[in-house]
Amino acid sequence: QSPKFHAYFPYLQSYPAILADMLSGAISC
């Protein structure tokens, strides 16, 4: 996630997506 990382392609994240993964982990269906 560093601005100095220019290899491969982006594999991004965001705070909304991190929060959603928390909920997904909690529901755990």
PDB file of all heavy atoms in Angstrom:
ATOM      1  N   GLN A   1       0.814  -1.226   0.000  1.00  0.00           N
ATOM      2  CA  GLN A   1       0.000   0.000   0.000  1.00  0.00           C
ATOM      3  C   GLN A   1       0.846   1.275   0.000  1.00  0.00           C
ATOM      4  O   GLN A   1       0.313   2.381   0.001  1.00  0.00           O
ATOM      5  CB  GLN A   1      -0.945   0.006   1.218  1.00  0.00           C
ATOM      6  CG  GLN A   1      -1.787  -1.249   1.360  1.00  0.00           C
ATOM      7  CD  GLN A   1      -2.525  -1.633   0.089  1.00  0.00           C
ATOM      8  OE1 GLN A   1      -3.119  -0.780  -0.571  1.00  0.00           O
ATOM      9  NE2 GLN A   1      -2.487  -2.912  -0.276  1.00  0.00           N
ATOM     10  N   SER A   2       2.154   1.109  -0.035  1.00  0.00           N
ATOM     11  CA  SER A   2       3.054   2.267  -0.041  1.00  0.00           C
ATOM     12  C   SER A   2       3.026   2.980  -1.389  1.00  0.00           C
ATOM     13  O   SER A   2       2.981   2.329  -2.443  1.00  0.00           O
ATOM     14  CB  SER A   2       4.483   1.808   0.259  1.00  0.00           C
ATOM     15  OG  SER A   2       5.404   2.868   0.028  1.00  0.00           O
ATOM     16  N   PRO A   3       3.093   4.309  -1.391  1.00  0.00           N
ATOM     17  CA  PRO A   3       3.217   5.049  -2.657  1.00  0.00           C
ATOM     18  C   PRO A   3       4.534   4.786  -3.378  1.00  0.00           C
ATOM     19  O   PRO A   3       4.705   5.218  -4.518  1.00  0.00           O
ATOM     20  CB  PRO A   3       3.118   6.510  -2.223  1.00  0.00           C
ATOM     21  CG  PRO A   3       2.516   6.497  -0.874  1.00  0.00           C
ATOM     22  CD  PRO A   3       2.947   5.216  -0.240  1.00  0.00           C
ATOM     23  N   LYS A   4       5.442   4.081  -2.717  1.00  0.00           N
ATOM     24  CA  LYS A   4       6.719   3.726  -3.340  1.00  0.00           C
ATOM     25  C   LYS A   4       6.690   2.324  -3.949  1.00  0.00           C
ATOM     26  O   LYS A   4       7.690   1.854  -4.487  1.00  0.00           O
ATOM     27  CB  LYS A   4       7.839   3.810  -2.293  1.00  0.00           C
ATOM     28  CG  LYS A   4       7.958   5.190  -1.641  1.00  0.00           C
ATOM     29  CD  LYS A   4       8.888   5.172  -0.445  1.00  0.00           C
ATOM     30  CE  LYS A   4       8.879   6.509   0.279  1.00  0.00           C
ATOM     31  NZ  LYS A   4       9.706   6.492   1.505  1.00  0.00           N
ATOM     32  N   PHE A   5       5.550   1.667  -3.857  1.00  0.00           N
ATOM     33  CA  PHE A   5       5.365   0.336  -4.426  1.00  0.00           C
ATOM     34  C   PHE A   5       4.785   0.491  -5.822  1.00  0.00           C
ATOM     35  O   PHE A   5       3.659   0.976  -5.995  1.00  0.00           O
ATOM     36  CB  PHE A   5       4.420  -0.475  -3.539  1.00  0.00           C
ATOM     37  CG  PHE A   5       4.194  -1.894  -4.012  1.00  0.00           C
ATOM     38  CD1 PHE A   5       4.950  -2.939  -3.512  1.00  0.00           C
ATOM     39  CD2 PHE A   5       3.202  -2.189  -4.940  1.00  0.00           C
ATOM     40  CE1 PHE A   5       4.734  -4.248  -3.941  1.00  0.00           C
ATOM     41  CE2 PHE A   5       2.982  -3.481  -5.377  1.00  0.00           C
ATOM     42  CZ  PHE A   5       3.755  -4.519  -4.868  1.00  0.00           C
ATOM     43  N   HIS A   6       5.542   0.072  -6.842  1.00  0.00           N
ATOM     44  CA  HIS A   6       5.120   0.229  -8.240  1.00  0.00           C
ATOM     45  C   HIS A   6       5.203  -1.094  -9.000  1.00  0.00           C
ATOM     46  O   HIS A   6       5.317  -1.107 -10.224  1.00  0.00           O
ATOM     47  CB  HIS A   6       5.988   1.275  -8.944  1.00  0.00           C
ATOM     48  CG  HIS A   6       5.994   2.606  -8.260  1.00  0.00           C
ATOM     49  ND1 HIS A   6       4.894   3.424  -8.211  1.00  0.00           N
ATOM     50  CD2 HIS A   6       6.973   3.266  -7.576  1.00  0.00           C
ATOM     51  CE1 HIS A   6       5.178   4.530  -7.547  1.00  0.00           C
ATOM     52  NE2 HIS A   6       6.430   4.449  -7.151  1.00  0.00           N
ATOM     53  N   ALA A   7       5.161  -2.214  -8.281  1.00  0.00           N
ATOM     54  CA  ALA A   7       5.311  -3.529  -8.899  1.00  0.00           C
ATOM     55  C   ALA A   7       3.950  -4.169  -9.160  1.00  0.00           C
ATOM     56  O   ALA A   7       2.938  -3.771  -8.578  1.00  0.00           O
ATOM     57  CB  ALA A   7       6.145  -4.424  -7.987  1.00  0.00           C
ATOM     58  N   TYR A   8       3.936  -5.165 -10.039  1.00  0.00           N
ATOM     59  CA  TYR A   8       2.737  -5.957 -10.318  1.00  0.00           C
ATOM     60  C   TYR A   8       1.575  -5.041 -10.708  1.00  0.00           C
ATOM     61  O   TYR A   8       1.691  -4.212 -11.588  1.00  0.00           O
ATOM     62  CB  TYR A   8       2.391  -6.844  -9.112  1.00  0.00           C
ATOM     63  CG  TYR A   8       3.590  -7.558  -8.537  1.00  0.00           C
ATOM     64  CD1 TYR A   8       4.103  -7.223  -7.284  1.00  0.00           C
ATOM     65  CD2 TYR A   8       4.256  -8.536  -9.271  1.00  0.00           C
ATOM     66  CE1 TYR A   8       5.233  -7.865  -6.770  1.00  0.00           C
ATOM     67  CE2 TYR A   8       5.375  -9.187  -8.770  1.00  0.00           C
ATOM     68  CZ  TYR A   8       5.862  -8.837  -7.523  1.00  0.00           C
ATOM     69  OH  TYR A   8       6.976  -9.457  -7.028  1.00  0.00           O
ATOM     70  N   PHE A   9       0.431  -5.187 -10.042  1.00  0.00           N
ATOM     71  CA  PHE A   9      -0.707  -4.287 -10.172  1.00  0.00           C
ATOM     72  C   PHE A   9      -1.139  -3.878  -8.772  1.00  0.00           C
ATOM     73  O   PHE A   9      -0.737  -4.503  -7.783  1.00  0.00           O
ATOM     74  CB  PHE A   9      -1.873  -4.981 -10.892  1.00  0.00           C
ATOM     75  CG  PHE A   9      -1.760  -5.001 -12.393  1.00  0.00           C
ATOM     76  CD1 PHE A   9      -1.961  -6.174 -13.096  1.00  0.00           C
ATOM     77  CD2 PHE A   9      -1.478  -3.850 -13.113  1.00  0.00           C
ATOM     78  CE1 PHE A   9      -1.875  -6.206 -14.481  1.00  0.00           C
ATOM     79  CE2 PHE A   9      -1.377  -3.868 -14.501  1.00  0.00           C
ATOM     80  CZ  PHE A   9      -1.581  -5.047 -15.182  1.00  0.00           C
ATOM     81  N   PRO A  10      -1.991  -2.857  -8.649  1.00  0.00           N
ATOM     82  CA  PRO A  10      -2.495  -2.513  -7.312  1.00  0.00           C
ATOM     83  C   PRO A  10      -3.302  -3.659  -6.721  1.00  0.00           C
ATOM     84  O   PRO A  10      -4.037  -4.353  -7.436  1.00  0.00           O
ATOM     85  CB  PRO A  10      -3.408  -1.302  -7.568  1.00  0.00           C
ATOM     86  CG  PRO A  10      -3.087  -0.822  -8.934  1.00  0.00           C
ATOM     87  CD  PRO A  10      -2.549  -1.992  -9.695  1.00  0.00           C
ATOM     88  N   TYR A  11      -3.160  -3.862  -5.444  1.00  0.00           N
ATOM     89  CA  TYR A  11      -4.079  -4.705  -4.668  1.00  0.00           C
ATOM     90  C   TYR A  11      -4.500  -3.841  -3.492  1.00  0.00           C
ATOM     91  O   TYR A  11      -3.874  -3.835  -2.440  1.00  0.00           O
ATOM     92  CB  TYR A  11      -3.409  -6.002  -4.207  1.00  0.00           C
ATOM     93  CG  TYR A  11      -3.474  -7.087  -5.255  1.00  0.00           C
ATOM     94  CD1 TYR A  11      -2.601  -7.096  -6.336  1.00  0.00           C
ATOM     95  CD2 TYR A  11      -4.445  -8.084  -5.186  1.00  0.00           C
ATOM     96  CE1 TYR A  11      -2.676  -8.072  -7.317  1.00  0.00           C
ATOM     97  CE2 TYR A  11      -4.531  -9.065  -6.166  1.00  0.00           C
ATOM     98  CZ  TYR A  11      -3.649  -9.054  -7.223  1.00  0.00           C
ATOM     99  OH  TYR A  11      -3.731 -10.017  -8.193  1.00  0.00           O
ATOM    100  N   LEU A  12      -5.575  -3.101  -3.714  1.00  0.00           N
ATOM    101  CA  LEU A  12      -5.904  -2.003  -2.824  1.00  0.00           C
ATOM    102  C   LEU A  12      -6.835  -2.418  -1.700  1.00  0.00           C
ATOM    103  O   LEU A  12      -7.407  -3.497  -1.691  1.00  0.00           O
ATOM    104  CB  LEU A  12      -6.533  -0.866  -3.634  1.00  0.00           C
ATOM    105  CG  LEU A  12      -5.569  -0.184  -4.621  1.00  0.00           C
ATOM    106  CD1 LEU A  12      -6.304   0.851  -5.455  1.00  0.00           C
ATOM    107  CD2 LEU A  12      -4.410   0.463  -3.879  1.00  0.00           C
ATOM    108  N   GLN A  13      -6.967  -1.524  -0.764  1.00  0.00           N
ATOM    109  CA  GLN A  13      -7.919  -1.643   0.318  1.00  0.00           C
ATOM    110  C   GLN A  13      -8.435  -0.254   0.640  1.00  0.00           C
ATOM    111  O   GLN A  13      -7.990   0.729   0.058  1.00  0.00           O
ATOM    112  CB  GLN A  13      -7.278  -2.290   1.552  1.00  0.00           C
ATOM    113  CG  GLN A  13      -5.869  -1.833   1.861  1.00  0.00           C
ATOM    114  CD  GLN A  13      -5.764  -0.427   2.448  1.00  0.00           C
ATOM    115  OE1 GLN A  13      -6.697   0.337   2.472  1.00  0.00           O
ATOM    116  NE2 GLN A  13      -4.589  -0.074   2.904  1.00  0.00           N
ATOM    117  N   SER A  14      -9.391  -0.191   1.534  1.00  0.00           N
ATOM    118  CA  SER A  14      -9.909   1.086   2.007  1.00  0.00           C
ATOM    119  C   SER A  14     -10.550   0.849   3.363  1.00  0.00           C
ATOM    120  O   SER A  14     -10.865  -0.290   3.720  1.00  0.00           O
ATOM    121  CB  SER A  14     -10.938   1.666   1.025  1.00  0.00           C
ATOM    122  OG  SER A  14     -12.055   0.805   0.914  1.00  0.00           O
ATOM    123  N   TYR A  15     -10.748   1.909   4.092  1.00  0.00           N
ATOM    124  CA  TYR A  15     -11.361   1.750   5.407  1.00  0.00           C
ATOM    125  C   TYR A  15     -12.762   1.146   5.330  1.00  0.00           C
ATOM    126  O   TYR A  15     -13.099   0.266   6.128  1.00  0.00           O
ATOM    127  CB  TYR A  15     -11.368   3.084   6.154  1.00  0.00           C
ATOM    128  CG  TYR A  15      -9.972   3.587   6.469  1.00  0.00           C
ATOM    129  CD1 TYR A  15      -9.565   4.872   6.128  1.00  0.00           C
ATOM    130  CD2 TYR A  15      -9.045   2.767   7.120  1.00  0.00           C
ATOM    131  CE1 TYR A  15      -8.292   5.334   6.410  1.00  0.00           C
ATOM    132  CE2 TYR A  15      -7.756   3.212   7.411  1.00  0.00           C
ATOM    133  CZ  TYR A  15      -7.390   4.493   7.060  1.00  0.00           C
ATOM    134  OH  TYR A  15      -6.129   4.950   7.335  1.00  0.00           O
ATOM    135  N   PRO A  16     -13.614   1.551   4.380  1.00  0.00           N
ATOM    136  CA  PRO A  16     -14.919   0.889   4.282  1.00  0.00           C
ATOM    137  C   PRO A  16     -14.806  -0.621   4.043  1.00  0.00           C
ATOM    138  O   PRO A  16     -15.554  -1.413   4.630  1.00  0.00           O
ATOM    139  CB  PRO A  16     -15.580   1.592   3.089  1.00  0.00           C
ATOM    140  CG  PRO A  16     -14.954   2.938   3.045  1.00  0.00           C
ATOM    141  CD  PRO A  16     -13.531   2.709   3.462  1.00  0.00           C
ATOM    142  N   ALA A  17     -13.872  -1.026   3.178  1.00  0.00           N
ATOM    143  CA  ALA A  17     -13.723  -2.453   2.889  1.00  0.00           C
ATOM    144  C   ALA A  17     -13.190  -3.215   4.093  1.00  0.00           C
ATOM    145  O   ALA A  17     -13.583  -4.364   4.343  1.00  0.00           O
ATOM    146  CB  ALA A  17     -12.807  -2.649   1.685  1.00  0.00           C
ATOM    147  N   ILE A  18     -12.287  -2.594   4.851  1.00  0.00           N
ATOM    148  CA  ILE A  18     -11.761  -3.232   6.064  1.00  0.00           C
ATOM    149  C   ILE A  18     -12.885  -3.441   7.072  1.00  0.00           C
ATOM    150  O   ILE A  18     -13.009  -4.517   7.689  1.00  0.00           O
ATOM    151  CB  ILE A  18     -10.631  -2.387   6.674  1.00  0.00           C
ATOM    152  CG1 ILE A  18      -9.405  -2.377   5.756  1.00  0.00           C
ATOM    153  CG2 ILE A  18     -10.240  -2.911   8.055  1.00  0.00           C
ATOM    154  CD1 ILE A  18      -8.335  -1.383   6.157  1.00  0.00           C
ATOM    155  N   LEU A  19     -13.744  -2.438   7.230  1.00  0.00           N
ATOM    156  CA  LEU A  19     -14.882  -2.562   8.148  1.00  0.00           C
ATOM    157  C   LEU A  19     -15.828  -3.674   7.689  1.00  0.00           C
ATOM    158  O   LEU A  19     -16.346  -4.446   8.508  1.00  0.00           O
ATOM    159  CB  LEU A  19     -15.640  -1.236   8.237  1.00  0.00           C
ATOM    160  CG  LEU A  19     -14.903  -0.092   8.951  1.00  0.00           C
ATOM    161  CD1 LEU A  19     -15.658   1.224   8.763  1.00  0.00           C
ATOM    162  CD2 LEU A  19     -14.730  -0.404  10.432  1.00  0.00           C
ATOM    163  N   ALA A  20     -16.050  -3.762   6.386  1.00  0.00           N
ATOM    164  CA  ALA A  20     -16.935  -4.815   5.859  1.00  0.00           C
ATOM    165  C   ALA A  20     -16.357  -6.199   6.128  1.00  0.00           C
ATOM    166  O   ALA A  20     -17.095  -7.136   6.449  1.00  0.00           O
ATOM    167  CB  ALA A  20     -17.154  -4.607   4.366  1.00  0.00           C
ATOM    168  N   ASP A  21     -15.037  -6.338   6.002  1.00  0.00           N
ATOM    169  CA  ASP A  21     -14.420  -7.630   6.291  1.00  0.00           C
ATOM    170  C   ASP A  21     -14.568  -8.003   7.764  1.00  0.00           C
ATOM    171  O   ASP A  21     -14.673  -9.182   8.112  1.00  0.00           O
ATOM    172  CB  ASP A  21     -12.945  -7.608   5.884  1.00  0.00           C
ATOM    173  CG  ASP A  21     -12.704  -8.206   4.504  1.00  0.00           C
ATOM    174  OD1 ASP A  21     -13.641  -8.811   3.958  1.00  0.00           O
ATOM    175  OD2 ASP A  21     -11.587  -8.072   3.980  1.00  0.00           O
ATOM    176  N   MET A  22     -14.556  -7.000   8.635  1.00  0.00           N
ATOM    177  CA  MET A  22     -14.800  -7.272  10.059  1.00  0.00           C
ATOM    178  C   MET A  22     -16.198  -7.858  10.252  1.00  0.00           C
ATOM    179  O   MET A  22     -16.380  -8.851  10.963  1.00  0.00           O
ATOM    180  CB  MET A  22     -14.649  -5.995  10.873  1.00  0.00           C
ATOM    181  CG  MET A  22     -13.230  -5.499  11.023  1.00  0.00           C
ATOM    182  SD  MET A  22     -13.152  -3.917  11.919  1.00  0.00           S
ATOM    183  CE  MET A  22     -13.812  -4.375  13.525  1.00  0.00           C
ATOM    184  N   LEU A  23     -17.189  -7.255   9.603  1.00  0.00           N
ATOM    185  CA  LEU A  23     -18.556  -7.741   9.728  1.00  0.00           C
ATOM    186  C   LEU A  23     -18.704  -9.125   9.108  1.00  0.00           C
ATOM    187  O   LEU A  23     -19.382 -10.003   9.670  1.00  0.00           O
ATOM    188  CB  LEU A  23     -19.528  -6.761   9.078  1.00  0.00           C
ATOM    189  CG  LEU A  23     -21.009  -7.152   9.107  1.00  0.00           C
ATOM    190  CD1 LEU A  23     -21.489  -7.347  10.545  1.00  0.00           C
ATOM    191  CD2 LEU A  23     -21.853  -6.095   8.408  1.00  0.00           C
ATOM    192  N   SER A  24     -18.077  -9.328   7.960  1.00  0.00           N
ATOM    193  CA  SER A  24     -18.115 -10.640   7.321  1.00  0.00           C
ATOM    194  C   SER A  24     -17.542 -11.703   8.242  1.00  0.00           C
ATOM    195  O   SER A  24     -18.094 -12.806   8.370  1.00  0.00           O
ATOM    196  CB  SER A  24     -17.334 -10.603   6.005  1.00  0.00           C
ATOM    197  OG  SER A  24     -17.267 -11.879   5.420  1.00  0.00           O
ATOM    198  N   GLY A  25     -16.434 -11.362   8.910  1.00  0.00           N
ATOM    199  CA  GLY A  25     -15.828 -12.305   9.849  1.00  0.00           C
ATOM    200  C   GLY A  25     -16.733 -12.589  11.034  1.00  0.00           C
ATOM    201  O   GLY A  25     -16.767 -13.711  11.551  1.00  0.00           O
ATOM    202  N   ALA A  26     -17.487 -11.586  11.459  1.00  0.00           N
ATOM    203  CA  ALA A  26     -18.381 -11.767  12.606  1.00  0.00           C
ATOM    204  C   ALA A  26     -19.590 -12.622  12.235  1.00  0.00           C
ATOM    205  O   ALA A  26     -19.977 -13.532  12.976  1.00  0.00           O
ATOM    206  CB  ALA A  26     -18.842 -10.411  13.124  1.00  0.00           C
ATOM    207  N   ILE A  27     -20.180 -12.340  11.063  1.00  0.00           N
ATOM    208  CA  ILE A  27     -21.329 -13.133  10.614  1.00  0.00           C
ATOM    209  C   ILE A  27     -20.890 -14.563  10.322  1.00  0.00           C
ATOM    210  O   ILE A  27     -21.567 -15.525  10.670  1.00  0.00           O
ATOM    211  CB  ILE A  27     -21.974 -12.493   9.372  1.00  0.00           C
ATOM    212  CG1 ILE A  27     -22.591 -11.135   9.744  1.00  0.00           C
ATOM    213  CG2 ILE A  27     -23.025 -13.418   8.768  1.00  0.00           C
ATOM    214  CD1 ILE A  27     -23.099 -10.344   8.556  1.00  0.00           C
ATOM    215  N   SER A  28     -19.751 -14.693   9.658  1.00  0.00           N
ATOM    216  CA  SER A  28     -19.106 -15.981   9.402  1.00  0.00           C
ATOM    217  C   SER A  28     -20.062 -17.013   8.819  1.00  0.00           C
ATOM    218  O   SER A  28     -20.115 -18.153   9.257  1.00  0.00           O
ATOM    219  CB  SER A  28     -18.482 -16.526  10.697  1.00  0.00           C
ATOM    220  OG  SER A  28     -17.535 -17.534  10.411  1.00  0.00           O
ATOM    221  N   CYS A  29     -20.815 -16.595   7.810  1.00  0.00           N
ATOM    222  CA  CYS A  29     -21.685 -17.543   7.113  1.00  0.00           C
ATOM    223  C   CYS A  29     -20.926 -18.174   5.954  1.00  0.00           C
ATOM    224  O   CYS A  29     -19.955 -17.614   5.445  1.00  0.00           O
ATOM    225  CB  CYS A  29     -22.943 -16.844   6.606  1.00  0.00           C
ATOM    226  SG  CYS A  29     -22.648 -15.646   5.290  1.00  0.00           S
TER     227      CYS A  29
END
